[in-house]
Amino acid sequence: MNQDPCSKCQHPLVWQGQYHCEHCVKDYIKVGFCPDCEAQLEKLQACGASNYFCNSCNELKSKSRVRFEYRATE
């Protein structure tokens, strides 16, 4: 079980192939934002590692500095 809270009801989100709130019955995606320019980051995955790239700054960003938020899927 994931301990990240739902942005609407604050109940914990559950990982079911995507983030899901059982209380609100909604699915969410995790979106990262650049700590420097606030642009949405592109997630790059290779060899089991995840990195985040900012197309505005044109550089990789450290995961520890990235601001994440959960957005409801349509």
PDB file of N, CA and C in Angstrom:
ATOM      1  N   MET A   1       0.841  -1.185   0.000  1.00  0.00           N
ATOM      2  CA  MET A   1       0.000   0.000   0.000  1.00  0.00           C
ATOM      3  C   MET A   1       0.883   1.246   0.000  1.00  0.00           C
ATOM      4  N   ASN A   2       0.552   2.204  -0.819  1.00  0.00           N
ATOM      5  CA  ASN A   2       1.271   3.454  -0.901  1.00  0.00           C
ATOM      6  C   ASN A   2       0.766   4.396   0.185  1.00  0.00           C
ATOM      7  N   GLN A   3       1.629   5.196   0.786  1.00  0.00           N
ATOM      8  CA  GLN A   3       1.224   6.094   1.861  1.00  0.00           C
ATOM      9  C   GLN A   3       0.937   7.511   1.378  1.00  0.00           C
ATOM     10  N   ASP A   4       0.991   7.759   0.077  1.00  0.00           N
ATOM     11  CA  ASP A   4       0.683   9.086  -0.436  1.00  0.00           C
ATOM     12  C   ASP A   4      -0.814   9.326  -0.333  1.00  0.00           C
ATOM     13  N   PRO A   5      -1.239  10.505   0.177  1.00  0.00           N
ATOM     14  CA  PRO A   5      -2.671  10.756   0.362  1.00  0.00           C
ATOM     15  C   PRO A   5      -3.358  11.275  -0.904  1.00  0.00           C
ATOM     16  N   CYS A   6      -4.634  10.966  -1.016  1.00  0.00           N
ATOM     17  CA  CYS A   6      -5.479  11.498  -2.077  1.00  0.00           C
ATOM     18  C   CYS A   6      -5.597  13.012  -1.870  1.00  0.00           C
ATOM     19  N   SER A   7      -5.500  13.781  -2.938  1.00  0.00           N
ATOM     20  CA  SER A   7      -5.569  15.239  -2.818  1.00  0.00           C
ATOM     21  C   SER A   7      -6.971  15.734  -2.475  1.00  0.00           C
ATOM     22  N   LYS A   8      -7.990  14.911  -2.691  1.00  0.00           N
ATOM     23  CA  LYS A   8      -9.368  15.314  -2.394  1.00  0.00           C
ATOM     24  C   LYS A   8      -9.803  14.921  -0.985  1.00  0.00           C
ATOM     25  N   CYS A   9      -9.561  13.642  -0.584  1.00  0.00           N
ATOM     26  CA  CYS A   9     -10.094  13.147   0.689  1.00  0.00           C
ATOM     27  C   CYS A   9      -9.023  12.799   1.716  1.00  0.00           C
ATOM     28  N   GLN A  10      -7.751  12.831   1.315  1.00  0.00           N
ATOM     29  CA  GLN A  10      -6.608  12.523   2.174  1.00  0.00           C
ATOM     30  C   GLN A  10      -6.487  11.053   2.574  1.00  0.00           C
ATOM     31  N   HIS A  11      -7.315  10.159   2.016  1.00  0.00           N
ATOM     32  CA  HIS A  11      -7.147   8.731   2.253  1.00  0.00           C
ATOM     33  C   HIS A  11      -5.919   8.258   1.470  1.00  0.00           C
ATOM     34  N   PRO A  12      -5.241   7.205   1.922  1.00  0.00           N
ATOM     35  CA  PRO A  12      -4.040   6.728   1.220  1.00  0.00           C
ATOM     36  C   PRO A  12      -4.369   6.198  -0.179  1.00  0.00           C
ATOM     37  N   LEU A  13      -3.474   6.509  -1.123  1.00  0.00           N
ATOM     38  CA  LEU A  13      -3.607   5.977  -2.472  1.00  0.00           C
ATOM     39  C   LEU A  13      -3.031   4.568  -2.514  1.00  0.00           C
ATOM     40  N   VAL A  14      -3.626   3.727  -3.326  1.00  0.00           N
ATOM     41  CA  VAL A  14      -3.207   2.334  -3.474  1.00  0.00           C
ATOM     42  C   VAL A  14      -2.678   2.152  -4.898  1.00  0.00           C
ATOM     43  N   TRP A  15      -1.565   1.430  -5.030  1.00  0.00           N
ATOM     44  CA  TRP A  15      -1.007   1.161  -6.354  1.00  0.00           C
ATOM     45  C   TRP A  15      -1.701  -0.052  -6.956  1.00  0.00           C
ATOM     46  N   GLN A  16      -2.389   0.143  -8.101  1.00  0.00           N
ATOM     47  CA  GLN A  16      -3.056  -0.934  -8.828  1.00  0.00           C
ATOM     48  C   GLN A  16      -2.724  -0.813 -10.317  1.00  0.00           C
ATOM     49  N   GLY A  17      -1.444  -0.706 -10.620  1.00  0.00           N
ATOM     50  CA  GLY A  17      -1.013  -0.438 -11.989  1.00  0.00           C
ATOM     51  C   GLY A  17      -1.034   1.053 -12.266  1.00  0.00           C
ATOM     52  N   GLN A  18      -1.723   1.782 -11.437  1.00  0.00           N
ATOM     53  CA  GLN A  18      -1.745   3.236 -11.373  1.00  0.00           C
ATOM     54  C   GLN A  18      -2.216   3.585  -9.967  1.00  0.00           C
ATOM     55  N   TYR A  19      -2.084   4.833  -9.575  1.00  0.00           N
ATOM     56  CA  TYR A  19      -2.513   5.215  -8.235  1.00  0.00           C
ATOM     57  C   TYR A  19      -4.034   5.294  -8.203  1.00  0.00           C
ATOM     58  N   HIS A  20      -4.638   4.763  -7.126  1.00  0.00           N
ATOM     59  CA  HIS A  20      -6.089   4.683  -7.032  1.00  0.00           C
ATOM     60  C   HIS A  20      -6.537   5.039  -5.620  1.00  0.00           C
ATOM     61  N   CYS A  21      -7.589   5.854  -5.524  1.00  0.00           N
ATOM     62  CA  CYS A  21      -8.212   6.166  -4.239  1.00  0.00           C
ATOM     63  C   CYS A  21      -9.483   5.334  -4.130  1.00  0.00           C
ATOM     64  N   GLU A  22      -9.490   4.407  -3.184  1.00  0.00           N
ATOM     65  CA  GLU A  22     -10.655   3.540  -3.007  1.00  0.00           C
ATOM     66  C   GLU A  22     -11.842   4.301  -2.431  1.00  0.00           C
ATOM     67  N   HIS A  23     -11.583   5.377  -1.701  1.00  0.00           N
ATOM     68  CA  HIS A  23     -12.659   6.171  -1.107  1.00  0.00           C
ATOM     69  C   HIS A  23     -13.369   7.018  -2.165  1.00  0.00           C
ATOM     70  N   CYS A  24     -12.614   7.711  -3.007  1.00  0.00           N
ATOM     71  CA  CYS A  24     -13.185   8.566  -4.063  1.00  0.00           C
ATOM     72  C   CYS A  24     -13.501   7.784  -5.335  1.00  0.00           C
ATOM     73  N   VAL A  25     -12.951   6.584  -5.465  1.00  0.00           N
ATOM     74  CA  VAL A  25     -13.059   5.737  -6.653  1.00  0.00           C
ATOM     75  C   VAL A  25     -12.531   6.499  -7.877  1.00  0.00           C
ATOM     76  N   LYS A  26     -11.305   7.038  -7.730  1.00  0.00           N
ATOM     77  CA  LYS A  26     -10.650   7.774  -8.812  1.00  0.00           C
ATOM     78  C   LYS A  26      -9.235   7.256  -8.991  1.00  0.00           C
ATOM     79  N   ASP A  27      -8.745   7.363 -10.229  1.00  0.00           N
ATOM     80  CA  ASP A  27      -7.373   7.004 -10.546  1.00  0.00           C
ATOM     81  C   ASP A  27      -6.553   8.281 -10.707  1.00  0.00           C
ATOM     82  N   TYR A  28      -5.276   8.191 -10.338  1.00  0.00           N
ATOM     83  CA  TYR A  28      -4.382   9.346 -10.394  1.00  0.00           C
ATOM     84  C   TYR A  28      -3.082   8.974 -11.081  1.00  0.00           C
ATOM     85  N   ILE A  29      -2.431   9.968 -11.670  1.00  0.00           N
ATOM     86  CA  ILE A  29      -1.079   9.805 -12.187  1.00  0.00           C
ATOM     87  C   ILE A  29      -0.165  10.723 -11.375  1.00  0.00           C
ATOM     88  N   LYS A  30       1.075  10.299 -11.218  1.00  0.00           N
ATOM     89  CA  LYS A  30       2.065  11.077 -10.471  1.00  0.00           C
ATOM     90  C   LYS A  30       2.850  11.917 -11.475  1.00  0.00           C
ATOM     91  N   VAL A  31       2.822  13.230 -11.302  1.00  0.00           N
ATOM     92  CA  VAL A  31       3.461  14.161 -12.224  1.00  0.00           C
ATOM     93  C   VAL A  31       4.563  14.912 -11.481  1.00  0.00           C
ATOM     94  N   GLY A  32       5.741  15.004 -12.102  1.00  0.00           N
ATOM     95  CA  GLY A  32       6.868  15.714 -11.512  1.00  0.00           C
ATOM     96  C   GLY A  32       7.052  17.074 -12.151  1.00  0.00           C
ATOM     97  N   PHE A  33       7.480  18.049 -11.327  1.00  0.00           N
ATOM     98  CA  PHE A  33       7.711  19.413 -11.805  1.00  0.00           C
ATOM     99  C   PHE A  33       9.119  19.863 -11.458  1.00  0.00           C
ATOM    100  N   CYS A  34       9.719  20.617 -12.343  1.00  0.00           N
ATOM    101  CA  CYS A  34      11.082  21.111 -12.195  1.00  0.00           C
ATOM    102  C   CYS A  34      11.186  22.017 -10.959  1.00  0.00           C
ATOM    103  N   PRO A  35      12.202  21.796 -10.136  1.00  0.00           N
ATOM    104  CA  PRO A  35      12.379  22.642  -8.957  1.00  0.00           C
ATOM    105  C   PRO A  35      12.872  24.049  -9.299  1.00  0.00           C
ATOM    106  N   ASP A  36      13.376  24.232 -10.519  1.00  0.00           N
ATOM    107  CA  ASP A  36      13.923  25.522 -10.919  1.00  0.00           C
ATOM    108  C   ASP A  36      12.947  26.384 -11.713  1.00  0.00           C
ATOM    109  N   CYS A  37      12.226  25.768 -12.681  1.00  0.00           N
ATOM    110  CA  CYS A  37      11.351  26.565 -13.551  1.00  0.00           C
ATOM    111  C   CYS A  37       9.878  26.154 -13.472  1.00  0.00           C
ATOM    112  N   GLU A  38       9.567  25.110 -12.696  1.00  0.00           N
ATOM    113  CA  GLU A  38       8.193  24.620 -12.494  1.00  0.00           C
ATOM    114  C   GLU A  38       7.559  23.974 -13.724  1.00  0.00           C
ATOM    115  N   ALA A  39       8.336  23.693 -14.770  1.00  0.00           N
ATOM    116  CA  ALA A  39       7.805  23.008 -15.952  1.00  0.00           C
ATOM    117  C   ALA A  39       7.586  21.535 -15.625  1.00  0.00           C
ATOM    118  N   GLN A  40       6.630  20.900 -16.312  1.00  0.00           N
ATOM    119  CA  GLN A  40       6.397  19.475 -16.124  1.00  0.00           C
ATOM    120  C   GLN A  40       7.584  18.703 -16.676  1.00  0.00           C
ATOM    121  N   LEU A  41       8.059  17.713 -15.910  1.00  0.00           N
ATOM    122  CA  LEU A  41       9.234  16.943 -16.284  1.00  0.00           C
ATOM    123  C   LEU A  41       8.861  15.693 -17.060  1.00  0.00           C
ATOM    124  N   GLU A  42       9.795  15.237 -17.856  1.00  0.00           N
ATOM    125  CA  GLU A  42       9.660  13.980 -18.596  1.00  0.00           C
ATOM    126  C   GLU A  42      10.394  12.907 -17.803  1.00  0.00           C
ATOM    127  N   LYS A  43       9.730  11.784 -17.566  1.00  0.00           N
ATOM    128  CA  LYS A  43      10.351  10.687 -16.827  1.00  0.00           C
ATOM    129  C   LYS A  43      11.057   9.772 -17.812  1.00  0.00           C
ATOM    130  N   LEU A  44      12.340   9.519 -17.548  1.00  0.00           N
ATOM    131  CA  LEU A  44      13.149   8.638 -18.380  1.00  0.00           C
ATOM    132  C   LEU A  44      13.477   7.399 -17.559  1.00  0.00           C
ATOM    133  N   GLN A  45      13.226   6.212 -18.126  1.00  0.00           N
ATOM    134  CA  GLN A  45      13.520   4.965 -17.426  1.00  0.00           C
ATOM    135  C   GLN A  45      14.408   4.093 -18.287  1.00  0.00           C
ATOM    136  N   ALA A  46      15.490   3.602 -17.678  1.00  0.00           N
ATOM    137  CA  ALA A  46      16.405   2.696 -18.370  1.00  0.00           C
ATOM    138  C   ALA A  46      17.171   1.885 -17.342  1.00  0.00           C
ATOM    139  N   CYS A  47      17.315   0.607 -17.595  1.00  0.00           N
ATOM    140  CA  CYS A  47      18.095  -0.292 -16.737  1.00  0.00           C
ATOM    141  C   CYS A  47      17.650  -0.237 -15.279  1.00  0.00           C
ATOM    142  N   GLY A  48      16.365  -0.065 -15.040  1.00  0.00           N
ATOM    143  CA  GLY A  48      15.838  -0.053 -13.683  1.00  0.00           C
ATOM    144  C   GLY A  48      15.959   1.273 -12.959  1.00  0.00           C
ATOM    145  N   ALA A  49      16.565   2.268 -13.578  1.00  0.00           N
ATOM    146  CA  ALA A  49      16.722   3.585 -12.952  1.00  0.00           C
ATOM    147  C   ALA A  49      15.741   4.579 -13.562  1.00  0.00           C
ATOM    148  N   SER A  50      15.242   5.473 -12.733  1.00  0.00           N
ATOM    149  CA  SER A  50      14.355   6.539 -13.209  1.00  0.00           C
ATOM    150  C   SER A  50      15.060   7.876 -13.077  1.00  0.00           C
ATOM    151  N   ASN A  51      14.988   8.670 -14.124  1.00  0.00           N
ATOM    152  CA  ASN A  51      15.550  10.020 -14.121  1.00  0.00           C
ATOM    153  C   ASN A  51      14.479  10.975 -14.620  1.00  0.00           C
ATOM    154  N   TYR A  52      14.656  12.249 -14.306  1.00  0.00           N
ATOM    155  CA  TYR A  52      13.695  13.263 -14.716  1.00  0.00           C
ATOM    156  C   TYR A  52      14.420  14.332 -15.513  1.00  0.00           C
ATOM    157  N   PHE A  53      13.844  14.661 -16.689  1.00  0.00           N
ATOM    158  CA  PHE A  53      14.460  15.623 -17.597  1.00  0.00           C
ATOM    159  C   PHE A  53      13.535  16.806 -17.790  1.00  0.00           C
ATOM    160  N   CYS A  54      14.104  18.016 -17.678  1.00  0.00           N
ATOM    161  CA  CYS A  54      13.348  19.239 -17.914  1.00  0.00           C
ATOM    162  C   CYS A  54      13.653  19.733 -19.321  1.00  0.00           C
ATOM    163  N   ASN A  55      12.629  19.783 -20.163  1.00  0.00           N
ATOM    164  CA  ASN A  55      12.809  20.262 -21.531  1.00  0.00           C
ATOM    165  C   ASN A  55      13.023  21.778 -21.574  1.00  0.00           C
ATOM    166  N   SER A  56      12.541  22.500 -20.573  1.00  0.00           N
ATOM    167  CA  SER A  56      12.744  23.956 -20.529  1.00  0.00           C
ATOM    168  C   SER A  56      14.188  24.304 -20.162  1.00  0.00           C
ATOM    169  N   CYS A  57      14.704  23.667 -19.121  1.00  0.00           N
ATOM    170  CA  CYS A  57      16.089  23.903 -18.676  1.00  0.00           C
ATOM    171  C   CYS A  57      17.097  23.112 -19.499  1.00  0.00           C
ATOM    172  N   ASN A  58      16.598  22.073 -20.196  1.00  0.00           N
ATOM    173  CA  ASN A  58      17.429  21.180 -21.016  1.00  0.00           C
ATOM    174  C   ASN A  58      18.483  20.453 -20.177  1.00  0.00           C
ATOM    175  N   GLU A  59      18.038  19.921 -19.009  1.00  0.00           N
ATOM    176  CA  GLU A  59      18.960  19.171 -18.162  1.00  0.00           C
ATOM    177  C   GLU A  59      18.217  18.185 -17.271  1.00  0.00           C
ATOM    178  N   LEU A  60      18.973  17.180 -16.795  1.00  0.00           N
ATOM    179  CA  LEU A  60      18.419  16.218 -15.857  1.00  0.00           C
ATOM    180  C   LEU A  60      18.240  16.877 -14.495  1.00  0.00           C
ATOM    181  N   LYS A  61      17.214  16.436 -13.766  1.00  0.00           N
ATOM    182  CA  LYS A  61      16.937  16.959 -12.433  1.00  0.00           C
ATOM    183  C   LYS A  61      16.983  15.818 -11.427  1.00  0.00           C
ATOM    184  N   SER A  62      17.506  16.089 -10.272  1.00  0.00           N
ATOM    185  CA  SER A  62      17.589  15.102  -9.213  1.00  0.00           C
ATOM    186  C   SER A  62      16.199  14.788  -8.676  1.00  0.00           C
ATOM    187  N   LYS A  63      15.910  13.492  -8.524  1.00  0.00           N
ATOM    188  CA  LYS A  63      14.605  13.070  -8.012  1.00  0.00           C
ATOM    189  C   LYS A  63      14.327  13.666  -6.634  1.00  0.00           C
ATOM    190  N   SER A  64      15.354  13.863  -5.843  1.00  0.00           N
ATOM    191  CA  SER A  64      15.171  14.409  -4.497  1.00  0.00           C
ATOM    192  C   SER A  64      14.723  15.873  -4.511  1.00  0.00           C
ATOM    193  N   ARG A  65      14.925  16.565  -5.617  1.00  0.00           N
ATOM    194  CA  ARG A  65      14.523  17.973  -5.725  1.00  0.00           C
ATOM    195  C   ARG A  65      13.196  18.163  -6.458  1.00  0.00           C
ATOM    196  N   VAL A  66      12.734  17.122  -7.148  1.00  0.00           N
ATOM    197  CA  VAL A  66      11.516  17.217  -7.954  1.00  0.00           C
ATOM    198  C   VAL A  66      10.291  17.353  -7.054  1.00  0.00           C
ATOM    199  N   ARG A  67       9.364  18.247  -7.435  1.00  0.00           N
ATOM    200  CA  ARG A  67       8.084  18.382  -6.724  1.00  0.00           C
ATOM    201  C   ARG A  67       7.068  17.516  -7.455  1.00  0.00           C
ATOM    202  N   PHE A  68       6.447  16.600  -6.718  1.00  0.00           N
ATOM    203  CA  PHE A  68       5.464  15.692  -7.304  1.00  0.00           C
ATOM    204  C   PHE A  68       4.057  16.077  -6.858  1.00  0.00           C
ATOM    205  N   GLU A  69       3.098  15.852  -7.753  1.00  0.00           N
ATOM    206  CA  GLU A  69       1.695  15.977  -7.383  1.00  0.00           C
ATOM    207  C   GLU A  69       0.908  14.904  -8.137  1.00  0.00           C
ATOM    208  N   TYR A  70      -0.243  14.580  -7.608  1.00  0.00           N
ATOM    209  CA  TYR A  70      -1.088  13.552  -8.206  1.00  0.00           C
ATOM    210  C   TYR A  70      -2.252  14.225  -8.909  1.00  0.00           C
ATOM    211  N   ARG A  71      -2.455  13.862 -10.163  1.00  0.00           N
ATOM    212  CA  ARG A  71      -3.550  14.430 -10.965  1.00  0.00           C
ATOM    213  C   ARG A  71      -4.510  13.329 -11.342  1.00  0.00           C
ATOM    214  N   ALA A  72      -5.801  13.629 -11.210  1.00  0.00           N
ATOM    215  CA  ALA A  72      -6.844  12.664 -11.549  1.00  0.00           C
ATOM    216  C   ALA A  72      -6.847  12.412 -13.039  1.00  0.00           C
ATOM    217  N   THR A  73      -7.015  11.143 -13.418  1.00  0.00           N
ATOM    218  CA  THR A  73      -7.122  10.815 -14.829  1.00  0.00           C
ATOM    219  C   THR A  73      -8.584  11.007 -15.239  1.00  0.00           C
ATOM    220  N   GLU A  74      -8.797  11.293 -16.489  1.00  0.00           N
ATOM    221  CA  GLU A  74     -10.154  11.556 -16.990  1.00  0.00           C
ATOM    222  C   GLU A  74     -10.918  10.294 -17.188  1.00  0.00           C
TER     223      GLU A  74
END
